[in-house]
Amino acid sequence: MNLALMARRVAVILAAMLAPVSVAIPAPQAATSMVTGAVTSQPIGHYEFCQRLPAECNVKSRSATAARLDEKAWQAVRDVNRAVNARYIAKTDIEAYGREEFWTYPTVFADCEDYALEKRKELADLGFALSNLLITVVRKPDGEGHAVLTLRTTEGDFILDNLDNEVMVWYETPYTFLKRQATFNTGRWVTIENGRDVLVGALR
């Protein structure tokens, strides 16, 4: 074999061996559903709400199957979110009741958890299972606590929020998710294990 040709072939082989390997790494996929952990403490406002209305907080569910929604059901969810957001005047518990963390069904004024309670009630009245309607505590980007309603579906977990008229998949919100009602008992709460790193894994 011609020495020049052999030298070129060796050079090609060496270049291929020394070139950096490019491995296709898939983009991180955001979990469509929250990963929940152990039972944790109730928010004080929910605890006191349960003391006043115990029947609200002892509903147990053996099956916690996520809801499969058709377009009519999705429209009902969107309608409830918008209607409840528009119906009440937003005021803090201090402004409305002169005390902190007073969870109640709203009449005229509403704080974030009151909006969530009302949406939960109205969707339950429409036939949605309580095991799929879960009040959820989050932290806003400014560090302030906030409450929203989580709707569990076969397509993932969606958020009904008094600060947004659109129903959004949970990982597209700006929040850090801390804990929510348990699917198996309306009076128990569980941690949200993937709530703090959701923005890292989300495709936005």
N, C-alpha and C. Protein backbone atom coordinates (compact mmCIF):
# COMPACT_ATOMS: atom_id res chain seq x y z
N MET A 1 0.85 -1.19 0.00
CA MET A 1 0.00 0.00 0.00
C MET A 1 0.88 1.24 0.00
N ASN A 2 0.48 2.23 -0.79
CA ASN A 2 1.19 3.49 -0.85
C ASN A 2 1.30 4.10 0.53
N LEU A 3 2.52 4.51 0.89
CA LEU A 3 2.73 5.07 2.24
C LEU A 3 1.91 6.31 2.49
N ALA A 4 1.74 7.15 1.48
CA ALA A 4 0.95 8.38 1.64
C ALA A 4 -0.51 8.05 1.90
N LEU A 5 -1.05 7.03 1.17
CA LEU A 5 -2.44 6.62 1.36
C LEU A 5 -2.63 6.04 2.74
N MET A 6 -1.65 5.22 3.17
CA MET A 6 -1.73 4.63 4.51
C MET A 6 -1.72 5.71 5.58
N ALA A 7 -0.88 6.72 5.40
CA ALA A 7 -0.80 7.81 6.37
C ALA A 7 -2.12 8.55 6.47
N ARG A 8 -2.78 8.77 5.30
CA ARG A 8 -4.08 9.47 5.32
C ARG A 8 -5.13 8.66 6.07
N ARG A 9 -5.14 7.33 5.85
CA ARG A 9 -6.13 6.48 6.52
C ARG A 9 -5.91 6.48 8.04
N VAL A 10 -4.65 6.41 8.46
CA VAL A 10 -4.34 6.45 9.88
C VAL A 10 -4.79 7.77 10.48
N ALA A 11 -4.57 8.85 9.73
CA ALA A 11 -4.97 10.17 10.23
C ALA A 11 -6.48 10.25 10.41
N VAL A 12 -7.24 9.70 9.45
CA VAL A 12 -8.71 9.71 9.55
C VAL A 12 -9.18 8.92 10.76
N ILE A 13 -8.57 7.73 10.98
CA ILE A 13 -8.95 6.88 12.12
C ILE A 13 -8.65 7.58 13.43
N LEU A 14 -7.48 8.19 13.53
CA LEU A 14 -7.12 8.90 14.76
C LEU A 14 -8.04 10.08 15.03
N ALA A 15 -8.39 10.80 13.96
CA ALA A 15 -9.30 11.95 14.13
C ALA A 15 -10.66 11.50 14.65
N ALA A 16 -11.13 10.36 14.13
CA ALA A 16 -12.42 9.85 14.58
C ALA A 16 -12.37 9.42 16.04
N MET A 17 -11.24 8.83 16.46
CA MET A 17 -11.10 8.36 17.83
C MET A 17 -10.98 9.51 18.81
N LEU A 18 -10.34 10.60 18.38
CA LEU A 18 -10.10 11.71 19.30
C LEU A 18 -11.22 12.74 19.30
N ALA A 19 -12.10 12.69 18.33
CA ALA A 19 -13.17 13.69 18.28
C ALA A 19 -14.11 13.49 19.45
N PRO A 20 -14.63 14.58 20.02
CA PRO A 20 -15.57 14.46 21.14
C PRO A 20 -16.84 13.76 20.70
N VAL A 21 -17.34 12.90 21.56
CA VAL A 21 -18.56 12.16 21.27
C VAL A 21 -19.75 13.03 21.61
N SER A 22 -20.66 13.18 20.67
CA SER A 22 -21.88 13.97 20.91
C SER A 22 -23.03 13.01 21.17
N VAL A 23 -23.52 13.03 22.39
CA VAL A 23 -24.62 12.14 22.77
C VAL A 23 -25.91 12.96 22.85
N ALA A 24 -26.95 12.49 22.21
CA ALA A 24 -28.22 13.20 22.25
C ALA A 24 -28.89 12.97 23.60
N ILE A 25 -28.97 14.02 24.39
CA ILE A 25 -29.59 13.93 25.71
C ILE A 25 -30.97 14.57 25.63
N PRO A 26 -32.01 13.83 25.93
CA PRO A 26 -33.35 14.40 25.81
C PRO A 26 -33.55 15.54 26.80
N ALA A 27 -34.36 16.52 26.41
CA ALA A 27 -34.68 17.63 27.31
C ALA A 27 -35.45 17.10 28.51
N PRO A 28 -35.26 17.72 29.66
CA PRO A 28 -35.98 17.25 30.86
C PRO A 28 -37.48 17.37 30.66
N GLN A 29 -38.18 16.38 31.10
CA GLN A 29 -39.62 16.37 30.98
C GLN A 29 -40.26 16.72 32.32
N ALA A 30 -41.13 17.69 32.33
CA ALA A 30 -41.83 18.04 33.56
C ALA A 30 -42.87 16.97 33.88
N ALA A 31 -42.97 16.61 35.13
CA ALA A 31 -43.95 15.61 35.53
C ALA A 31 -45.34 16.18 35.34
N THR A 32 -46.22 15.43 34.68
CA THR A 32 -47.57 15.94 34.46
C THR A 32 -48.38 15.93 35.74
N SER A 33 -48.00 15.12 36.71
CA SER A 33 -48.69 15.06 37.99
C SER A 33 -47.71 15.30 39.12
N MET A 34 -48.20 15.90 40.17
CA MET A 34 -47.36 16.11 41.35
C MET A 34 -47.03 14.77 42.00
N VAL A 35 -45.85 14.70 42.58
CA VAL A 35 -45.45 13.53 43.36
C VAL A 35 -45.64 13.89 44.83
N THR A 36 -46.55 13.19 45.48
CA THR A 36 -46.83 13.51 46.88
C THR A 36 -46.09 12.55 47.80
N GLY A 37 -45.88 13.02 49.04
CA GLY A 37 -45.13 12.23 50.00
C GLY A 37 -45.95 11.90 51.23
N ALA A 38 -45.33 12.08 52.38
CA ALA A 38 -45.93 11.67 53.65
C ALA A 38 -47.02 12.65 54.10
N VAL A 39 -47.86 12.14 54.99
CA VAL A 39 -48.86 13.01 55.63
C VAL A 39 -48.14 14.09 56.41
N THR A 40 -48.65 15.31 56.32
CA THR A 40 -48.03 16.44 57.00
C THR A 40 -49.10 17.26 57.71
N SER A 41 -48.71 18.35 58.31
CA SER A 41 -49.65 19.15 59.11
C SER A 41 -50.62 19.91 58.22
N GLN A 42 -51.83 20.10 58.74
CA GLN A 42 -52.80 20.96 58.08
C GLN A 42 -52.39 22.42 58.25
N PRO A 43 -52.68 23.25 57.27
CA PRO A 43 -52.58 24.69 57.53
C PRO A 43 -53.55 25.05 58.66
N ILE A 44 -53.17 25.98 59.50
CA ILE A 44 -54.00 26.32 60.66
C ILE A 44 -55.39 26.76 60.23
N GLY A 45 -55.47 27.48 59.12
CA GLY A 45 -56.77 27.93 58.65
C GLY A 45 -57.68 26.77 58.27
N HIS A 46 -57.11 25.73 57.67
CA HIS A 46 -57.92 24.58 57.31
C HIS A 46 -58.32 23.79 58.56
N TYR A 47 -57.41 23.69 59.52
CA TYR A 47 -57.72 23.01 60.77
C TYR A 47 -58.92 23.67 61.45
N GLU A 48 -58.91 24.99 61.54
CA GLU A 48 -60.02 25.70 62.18
C GLU A 48 -61.30 25.61 61.36
N PHE A 49 -61.17 25.60 60.04
CA PHE A 49 -62.32 25.39 59.16
C PHE A 49 -62.94 24.03 59.45
N CYS A 50 -62.11 23.01 59.63
CA CYS A 50 -62.60 21.66 59.93
C CYS A 50 -63.26 21.59 61.31
N GLN A 51 -62.79 22.39 62.25
CA GLN A 51 -63.42 22.41 63.56
C GLN A 51 -64.83 22.99 63.47
N ARG A 52 -65.01 23.96 62.62
CA ARG A 52 -66.34 24.57 62.45
C ARG A 52 -67.25 23.71 61.59
N LEU A 53 -66.69 23.03 60.58
CA LEU A 53 -67.48 22.24 59.64
C LEU A 53 -66.88 20.84 59.52
N PRO A 54 -67.00 20.02 60.57
CA PRO A 54 -66.33 18.71 60.57
C PRO A 54 -66.74 17.80 59.43
N ALA A 55 -67.98 17.91 58.95
CA ALA A 55 -68.42 17.04 57.85
C ALA A 55 -67.62 17.30 56.58
N GLU A 56 -67.04 18.49 56.46
CA GLU A 56 -66.25 18.82 55.29
C GLU A 56 -64.91 18.08 55.27
N CYS A 57 -64.49 17.62 56.43
CA CYS A 57 -63.09 17.18 56.58
C CYS A 57 -62.94 15.72 57.00
N ASN A 58 -63.98 14.93 56.82
CA ASN A 58 -63.84 13.51 57.14
C ASN A 58 -64.36 12.63 56.01
N VAL A 59 -64.29 13.14 54.79
CA VAL A 59 -64.69 12.37 53.62
C VAL A 59 -63.50 11.53 53.18
N LYS A 60 -63.65 10.21 53.25
CA LYS A 60 -62.56 9.29 52.90
C LYS A 60 -62.85 8.66 51.54
N SER A 61 -61.82 8.45 50.77
CA SER A 61 -61.95 7.87 49.43
C SER A 61 -61.04 6.67 49.30
N ARG A 62 -61.61 5.51 49.02
CA ARG A 62 -60.79 4.32 48.80
C ARG A 62 -60.05 4.41 47.47
N SER A 63 -60.77 4.83 46.46
CA SER A 63 -60.17 4.93 45.14
C SER A 63 -59.83 6.38 44.86
N ALA A 64 -58.61 6.61 44.45
CA ALA A 64 -58.18 7.97 44.13
C ALA A 64 -57.80 8.06 42.66
N THR A 65 -58.62 7.50 41.82
CA THR A 65 -58.34 7.52 40.39
C THR A 65 -58.55 8.92 39.84
N ALA A 66 -57.59 9.41 39.07
CA ALA A 66 -57.70 10.74 38.49
C ALA A 66 -58.86 10.79 37.50
N ALA A 67 -59.45 11.96 37.36
CA ALA A 67 -60.62 12.13 36.51
C ALA A 67 -60.24 12.13 35.04
N ARG A 68 -61.06 11.50 34.23
CA ARG A 68 -60.92 11.57 32.77
C ARG A 68 -61.98 12.53 32.27
N LEU A 69 -61.57 13.66 31.72
CA LEU A 69 -62.50 14.72 31.38
C LEU A 69 -62.69 14.84 29.87
N ASP A 70 -63.95 15.02 29.46
CA ASP A 70 -64.21 15.33 28.06
C ASP A 70 -64.26 16.85 27.91
N GLU A 71 -64.49 17.33 26.70
CA GLU A 71 -64.45 18.78 26.45
C GLU A 71 -65.53 19.52 27.23
N LYS A 72 -66.68 18.90 27.40
CA LYS A 72 -67.75 19.54 28.17
C LYS A 72 -67.32 19.74 29.62
N ALA A 73 -66.66 18.73 30.19
CA ALA A 73 -66.20 18.85 31.57
C ALA A 73 -65.10 19.90 31.69
N TRP A 74 -64.18 19.94 30.71
CA TRP A 74 -63.14 20.96 30.73
C TRP A 74 -63.74 22.36 30.66
N GLN A 75 -64.77 22.51 29.85
CA GLN A 75 -65.41 23.82 29.75
C GLN A 75 -66.04 24.21 31.08
N ALA A 76 -66.63 23.25 31.77
CA ALA A 76 -67.20 23.52 33.09
C ALA A 76 -66.14 23.98 34.07
N VAL A 77 -64.97 23.34 34.02
CA VAL A 77 -63.87 23.73 34.90
C VAL A 77 -63.45 25.17 34.61
N ARG A 78 -63.28 25.48 33.34
CA ARG A 78 -62.87 26.84 32.96
C ARG A 78 -63.93 27.86 33.38
N ASP A 79 -65.20 27.51 33.20
CA ASP A 79 -66.29 28.42 33.54
C ASP A 79 -66.32 28.69 35.04
N VAL A 80 -66.16 27.64 35.84
CA VAL A 80 -66.17 27.82 37.30
C VAL A 80 -65.00 28.69 37.73
N ASN A 81 -63.82 28.44 37.17
CA ASN A 81 -62.66 29.24 37.57
C ASN A 81 -62.90 30.73 37.30
N ARG A 82 -63.37 31.05 36.11
CA ARG A 82 -63.59 32.45 35.75
C ARG A 82 -64.74 33.07 36.55
N ALA A 83 -65.82 32.32 36.71
CA ALA A 83 -67.00 32.87 37.39
C ALA A 83 -66.70 33.18 38.86
N VAL A 84 -66.04 32.26 39.53
CA VAL A 84 -65.73 32.48 40.95
C VAL A 84 -64.73 33.63 41.10
N ASN A 85 -63.76 33.70 40.21
CA ASN A 85 -62.79 34.80 40.27
C ASN A 85 -63.48 36.16 40.15
N ALA A 86 -64.53 36.22 39.32
CA ALA A 86 -65.21 37.48 39.05
C ALA A 86 -66.26 37.83 40.10
N ARG A 87 -66.71 36.85 40.84
CA ARG A 87 -67.88 37.04 41.70
C ARG A 87 -67.58 37.79 43.00
N TYR A 88 -66.36 37.61 43.52
CA TYR A 88 -66.07 38.14 44.85
C TYR A 88 -65.02 39.25 44.79
N ILE A 89 -65.04 40.08 45.83
CA ILE A 89 -64.06 41.16 45.96
C ILE A 89 -62.87 40.61 46.75
N ALA A 90 -61.69 40.69 46.16
CA ALA A 90 -60.51 40.15 46.82
C ALA A 90 -60.10 41.04 48.00
N LYS A 91 -60.05 40.43 49.17
CA LYS A 91 -59.58 41.10 50.37
C LYS A 91 -58.86 40.08 51.23
N THR A 92 -57.86 40.54 51.96
CA THR A 92 -57.18 39.64 52.90
C THR A 92 -58.10 39.31 54.06
N ASP A 93 -57.76 38.26 54.78
CA ASP A 93 -58.56 37.90 55.96
C ASP A 93 -58.55 39.02 57.00
N ILE A 94 -57.44 39.69 57.13
CA ILE A 94 -57.37 40.81 58.08
C ILE A 94 -58.34 41.90 57.67
N GLU A 95 -58.36 42.22 56.38
CA GLU A 95 -59.26 43.27 55.90
C GLU A 95 -60.72 42.85 56.02
N ALA A 96 -61.03 41.60 55.72
CA ALA A 96 -62.43 41.15 55.68
C ALA A 96 -62.95 40.73 57.05
N TYR A 97 -62.09 40.07 57.86
CA TYR A 97 -62.57 39.48 59.11
C TYR A 97 -61.81 39.94 60.35
N GLY A 98 -60.77 40.72 60.15
CA GLY A 98 -60.00 41.22 61.28
C GLY A 98 -59.11 40.18 61.93
N ARG A 99 -58.82 39.09 61.20
CA ARG A 99 -57.95 38.04 61.74
C ARG A 99 -57.23 37.34 60.60
N GLU A 100 -56.14 36.67 60.94
CA GLU A 100 -55.36 35.94 59.94
C GLU A 100 -55.93 34.54 59.71
N GLU A 101 -55.77 34.05 58.50
CA GLU A 101 -56.03 32.64 58.17
C GLU A 101 -57.44 32.19 58.56
N PHE A 102 -58.43 32.95 58.15
CA PHE A 102 -59.82 32.55 58.39
C PHE A 102 -60.37 31.98 57.09
N TRP A 103 -60.39 30.64 57.00
CA TRP A 103 -60.85 29.96 55.80
C TRP A 103 -62.37 29.80 55.87
N THR A 104 -63.06 30.23 54.82
CA THR A 104 -64.51 30.13 54.82
C THR A 104 -65.04 30.20 53.39
N TYR A 105 -66.29 29.79 53.21
CA TYR A 105 -66.92 29.99 51.91
C TYR A 105 -67.26 31.46 51.77
N PRO A 106 -66.91 32.08 50.68
CA PRO A 106 -67.09 33.53 50.56
C PRO A 106 -68.54 33.93 50.29
N THR A 107 -68.85 35.14 50.68
CA THR A 107 -70.15 35.74 50.37
C THR A 107 -69.95 37.00 49.53
N VAL A 108 -69.17 37.93 50.05
CA VAL A 108 -68.86 39.16 49.32
C VAL A 108 -67.36 39.26 49.06
N PHE A 109 -66.57 39.04 50.12
CA PHE A 109 -65.12 39.14 50.03
C PHE A 109 -64.50 37.74 50.02
N ALA A 110 -63.28 37.67 49.47
CA ALA A 110 -62.61 36.37 49.43
C ALA A 110 -61.11 36.56 49.45
N ASP A 111 -60.44 35.69 50.20
CA ASP A 111 -58.99 35.54 50.15
C ASP A 111 -58.71 34.32 49.28
N CYS A 112 -57.43 34.05 48.99
CA CYS A 112 -57.11 32.99 48.03
C CYS A 112 -57.72 31.64 48.40
N GLU A 113 -57.66 31.28 49.71
CA GLU A 113 -58.19 29.97 50.09
C GLU A 113 -59.71 29.93 50.00
N ASP A 114 -60.37 31.08 50.16
CA ASP A 114 -61.83 31.13 50.04
C ASP A 114 -62.25 30.89 48.59
N TYR A 115 -61.51 31.48 47.65
CA TYR A 115 -61.77 31.20 46.23
C TYR A 115 -61.61 29.70 45.96
N ALA A 116 -60.55 29.11 46.51
CA ALA A 116 -60.30 27.68 46.27
C ALA A 116 -61.42 26.82 46.86
N LEU A 117 -61.86 27.16 48.06
CA LEU A 117 -62.96 26.42 48.69
C LEU A 117 -64.23 26.48 47.85
N GLU A 118 -64.54 27.67 47.35
CA GLU A 118 -65.76 27.84 46.57
C GLU A 118 -65.69 27.07 45.25
N LYS A 119 -64.55 27.11 44.59
CA LYS A 119 -64.39 26.36 43.33
C LYS A 119 -64.52 24.86 43.58
N ARG A 120 -63.92 24.42 44.66
CA ARG A 120 -64.00 23.00 45.03
C ARG A 120 -65.45 22.59 45.23
N LYS A 121 -66.20 23.41 45.96
CA LYS A 121 -67.60 23.12 46.23
C LYS A 121 -68.42 23.08 44.94
N GLU A 122 -68.24 24.06 44.07
CA GLU A 122 -69.04 24.13 42.86
C GLU A 122 -68.73 22.98 41.90
N LEU A 123 -67.46 22.62 41.80
CA LEU A 123 -67.11 21.49 40.94
C LEU A 123 -67.62 20.17 41.53
N ALA A 124 -67.57 20.04 42.85
CA ALA A 124 -68.13 18.84 43.50
C ALA A 124 -69.63 18.75 43.23
N ASP A 125 -70.31 19.90 43.27
CA ASP A 125 -71.75 19.91 42.98
C ASP A 125 -72.04 19.48 41.55
N LEU A 126 -71.06 19.68 40.66
CA LEU A 126 -71.22 19.26 39.26
C LEU A 126 -70.86 17.80 39.03
N GLY A 127 -70.41 17.12 40.11
CA GLY A 127 -70.12 15.69 40.00
C GLY A 127 -68.66 15.31 40.04
N PHE A 128 -67.76 16.27 40.19
CA PHE A 128 -66.34 15.95 40.31
C PHE A 128 -66.08 15.33 41.70
N ALA A 129 -65.24 14.31 41.73
CA ALA A 129 -64.92 13.64 43.01
C ALA A 129 -64.04 14.54 43.86
N LEU A 130 -64.31 14.57 45.17
CA LEU A 130 -63.49 15.37 46.07
C LEU A 130 -62.03 14.90 46.08
N SER A 131 -61.81 13.62 45.80
CA SER A 131 -60.44 13.12 45.76
C SER A 131 -59.62 13.73 44.63
N ASN A 132 -60.30 14.41 43.69
CA ASN A 132 -59.61 15.06 42.59
C ASN A 132 -59.65 16.59 42.68
N LEU A 133 -60.20 17.10 43.78
CA LEU A 133 -60.31 18.55 44.00
C LEU A 133 -59.58 18.87 45.30
N LEU A 134 -58.36 19.32 45.19
CA LEU A 134 -57.47 19.37 46.35
C LEU A 134 -56.94 20.78 46.57
N ILE A 135 -57.28 21.35 47.71
CA ILE A 135 -56.72 22.65 48.05
C ILE A 135 -55.21 22.48 48.26
N THR A 136 -54.46 23.39 47.72
CA THR A 136 -53.00 23.25 47.65
C THR A 136 -52.33 24.53 48.12
N VAL A 137 -51.31 24.38 48.95
CA VAL A 137 -50.55 25.52 49.45
C VAL A 137 -49.26 25.65 48.65
N VAL A 138 -49.01 26.86 48.15
CA VAL A 138 -47.84 27.13 47.34
C VAL A 138 -47.13 28.37 47.87
N ARG A 139 -45.95 28.60 47.31
CA ARG A 139 -45.24 29.85 47.61
C ARG A 139 -45.06 30.61 46.31
N LYS A 140 -45.45 31.88 46.32
CA LYS A 140 -45.27 32.73 45.15
C LYS A 140 -43.80 33.12 45.00
N PRO A 141 -43.41 33.60 43.82
CA PRO A 141 -42.01 33.98 43.62
C PRO A 141 -41.49 35.00 44.62
N ASP A 142 -42.38 35.85 45.16
CA ASP A 142 -41.94 36.84 46.15
C ASP A 142 -41.86 36.27 47.56
N GLY A 143 -42.13 34.96 47.71
CA GLY A 143 -42.03 34.31 49.00
C GLY A 143 -43.33 34.26 49.77
N GLU A 144 -44.35 34.95 49.31
CA GLU A 144 -45.63 34.97 50.02
C GLU A 144 -46.38 33.66 49.84
N GLY A 145 -47.05 33.20 50.90
CA GLY A 145 -47.87 32.01 50.81
C GLY A 145 -49.13 32.27 50.01
N HIS A 146 -49.65 31.21 49.41
CA HIS A 146 -50.81 31.35 48.53
C HIS A 146 -51.53 30.00 48.50
N ALA A 147 -52.82 30.01 48.21
CA ALA A 147 -53.59 28.77 48.09
C ALA A 147 -54.30 28.72 46.75
N VAL A 148 -54.30 27.56 46.14
CA VAL A 148 -54.97 27.33 44.86
C VAL A 148 -55.72 26.01 44.95
N LEU A 149 -56.49 25.71 43.92
CA LEU A 149 -57.17 24.42 43.84
C LEU A 149 -56.50 23.57 42.76
N THR A 150 -56.11 22.36 43.13
CA THR A 150 -55.56 21.41 42.17
C THR A 150 -56.66 20.48 41.68
N LEU A 151 -56.77 20.33 40.37
CA LEU A 151 -57.68 19.36 39.76
C LEU A 151 -56.84 18.23 39.20
N ARG A 152 -57.04 17.01 39.72
CA ARG A 152 -56.32 15.84 39.23
C ARG A 152 -57.07 15.24 38.06
N THR A 153 -56.36 15.04 36.95
CA THR A 153 -56.96 14.42 35.77
C THR A 153 -56.00 13.39 35.20
N THR A 154 -56.49 12.61 34.28
CA THR A 154 -55.63 11.63 33.61
C THR A 154 -54.61 12.31 32.71
N GLU A 155 -54.79 13.59 32.43
CA GLU A 155 -53.84 14.35 31.62
C GLU A 155 -52.85 15.13 32.49
N GLY A 156 -52.97 14.98 33.80
CA GLY A 156 -52.07 15.68 34.70
C GLY A 156 -52.82 16.52 35.71
N ASP A 157 -52.07 17.26 36.51
CA ASP A 157 -52.64 18.11 37.55
C ASP A 157 -52.75 19.55 37.04
N PHE A 158 -53.94 20.13 37.23
CA PHE A 158 -54.20 21.48 36.73
C PHE A 158 -54.58 22.39 37.90
N ILE A 159 -54.28 23.68 37.73
CA ILE A 159 -54.45 24.65 38.81
C ILE A 159 -55.53 25.66 38.48
N LEU A 160 -56.45 25.84 39.43
CA LEU A 160 -57.45 26.90 39.38
C LEU A 160 -57.02 27.94 40.42
N ASP A 161 -56.80 29.14 39.95
CA ASP A 161 -56.13 30.17 40.75
C ASP A 161 -56.92 31.46 40.67
N ASN A 162 -57.11 32.11 41.79
CA ASN A 162 -57.83 33.39 41.76
C ASN A 162 -57.01 34.51 41.12
N LEU A 163 -55.72 34.28 40.92
CA LEU A 163 -54.86 35.28 40.29
C LEU A 163 -54.75 35.08 38.78
N ASP A 164 -55.44 34.07 38.25
CA ASP A 164 -55.34 33.78 36.81
C ASP A 164 -56.66 33.16 36.35
N ASN A 165 -57.25 33.72 35.33
CA ASN A 165 -58.52 33.17 34.82
C ASN A 165 -58.32 31.94 33.95
N GLU A 166 -57.07 31.66 33.55
CA GLU A 166 -56.81 30.47 32.75
C GLU A 166 -56.48 29.29 33.67
N VAL A 167 -57.01 28.12 33.35
CA VAL A 167 -56.67 26.89 34.07
C VAL A 167 -55.36 26.39 33.49
N MET A 168 -54.35 26.25 34.33
CA MET A 168 -53.00 25.94 33.85
C MET A 168 -52.50 24.62 34.42
N VAL A 169 -51.72 23.89 33.62
CA VAL A 169 -51.05 22.71 34.16
C VAL A 169 -50.09 23.19 35.25
N TRP A 170 -49.93 22.44 36.28
CA TRP A 170 -49.28 22.93 37.50
C TRP A 170 -47.86 23.41 37.27
N TYR A 171 -47.10 22.72 36.40
CA TYR A 171 -45.69 23.10 36.24
C TYR A 171 -45.51 24.34 35.38
N GLU A 172 -46.59 24.87 34.82
CA GLU A 172 -46.48 26.12 34.07
C GLU A 172 -46.82 27.34 34.93
N THR A 173 -47.14 27.13 36.18
CA THR A 173 -47.37 28.25 37.09
C THR A 173 -46.01 28.69 37.65
N PRO A 174 -45.95 29.88 38.25
CA PRO A 174 -44.67 30.36 38.79
C PRO A 174 -44.42 29.92 40.23
N TYR A 175 -45.21 28.98 40.74
CA TYR A 175 -45.19 28.70 42.17
C TYR A 175 -44.25 27.56 42.57
N THR A 176 -43.87 27.59 43.84
CA THR A 176 -43.25 26.44 44.50
C THR A 176 -44.35 25.72 45.26
N PHE A 177 -44.54 24.45 44.98
CA PHE A 177 -45.65 23.68 45.57
C PHE A 177 -45.18 23.01 46.86
N LEU A 178 -45.94 23.23 47.93
CA LEU A 178 -45.53 22.77 49.25
C LEU A 178 -46.33 21.56 49.75
N LYS A 179 -47.64 21.69 49.81
CA LYS A 179 -48.47 20.58 50.29
C LYS A 179 -49.90 20.77 49.81
N ARG A 180 -50.65 19.68 49.87
CA ARG A 180 -52.04 19.73 49.43
C ARG A 180 -52.87 18.71 50.20
N GLN A 181 -54.19 18.84 50.07
CA GLN A 181 -55.07 17.84 50.67
C GLN A 181 -54.76 16.46 50.10
N ALA A 182 -54.92 15.46 50.95
CA ALA A 182 -54.71 14.09 50.50
C ALA A 182 -55.88 13.62 49.65
N THR A 183 -55.61 12.76 48.70
CA THR A 183 -56.68 12.22 47.87
C THR A 183 -57.59 11.27 48.65
N PHE A 184 -57.06 10.70 49.73
CA PHE A 184 -57.80 9.66 50.44
C PHE A 184 -58.60 10.17 51.63
N ASN A 185 -58.42 11.44 52.00
CA ASN A 185 -59.11 11.97 53.17
C ASN A 185 -59.11 13.50 53.09
N THR A 186 -60.29 14.10 53.11
CA THR A 186 -60.37 15.55 52.93
C THR A 186 -59.82 16.33 54.12
N GLY A 187 -59.58 15.65 55.25
CA GLY A 187 -59.04 16.32 56.42
C GLY A 187 -57.55 16.14 56.60
N ARG A 188 -56.90 15.40 55.70
CA ARG A 188 -55.46 15.15 55.81
C ARG A 188 -54.72 15.88 54.70
N TRP A 189 -53.45 16.15 54.96
CA TRP A 189 -52.60 16.85 53.98
C TRP A 189 -51.33 16.06 53.76
N VAL A 190 -50.78 16.16 52.56
CA VAL A 190 -49.54 15.47 52.22
C VAL A 190 -48.55 16.46 51.59
N THR A 191 -47.27 16.14 51.70
CA THR A 191 -46.24 16.97 51.09
C THR A 191 -46.24 16.78 49.58
N ILE A 192 -45.68 17.74 48.88
CA ILE A 192 -45.48 17.64 47.43
C ILE A 192 -43.98 17.54 47.21
N GLU A 193 -43.52 16.37 46.79
CA GLU A 193 -42.10 16.07 46.76
C GLU A 193 -41.36 16.74 45.61
N ASN A 194 -42.02 16.92 44.48
CA ASN A 194 -41.33 17.52 43.33
C ASN A 194 -41.76 18.97 43.10
N GLY A 195 -42.27 19.59 44.13
CA GLY A 195 -42.77 20.95 43.96
C GLY A 195 -41.72 22.02 43.93
N ARG A 196 -40.53 21.72 44.48
CA ARG A 196 -39.50 22.76 44.57
C ARG A 196 -38.61 22.82 43.35
N ASP A 197 -38.49 21.71 42.61
CA ASP A 197 -37.61 21.73 41.44
C ASP A 197 -38.39 21.72 40.15
N VAL A 198 -39.71 22.00 40.21
CA VAL A 198 -40.53 21.89 39.03
C VAL A 198 -40.08 22.84 37.94
N LEU A 199 -39.63 24.06 38.28
CA LEU A 199 -39.24 25.00 37.25
C LEU A 199 -37.96 24.58 36.54
N VAL A 200 -37.15 23.78 37.21
CA VAL A 200 -35.93 23.29 36.59
C VAL A 200 -36.26 22.28 35.49
N GLY A 201 -37.21 21.41 35.78
CA GLY A 201 -37.54 20.34 34.83
C GLY A 201 -38.61 20.70 33.84
N ALA A 202 -39.24 21.86 34.00
CA ALA A 202 -40.36 22.20 33.13
C ALA A 202 -39.87 22.68 31.77
N LEU A 203 -40.63 22.34 30.74
CA LEU A 203 -40.38 22.87 29.40
C LEU A 203 -41.28 24.08 29.25
N ARG A 204 -40.71 25.26 29.12
CA ARG A 204 -41.50 26.48 29.12
C ARG A 204 -41.38 27.19 27.77
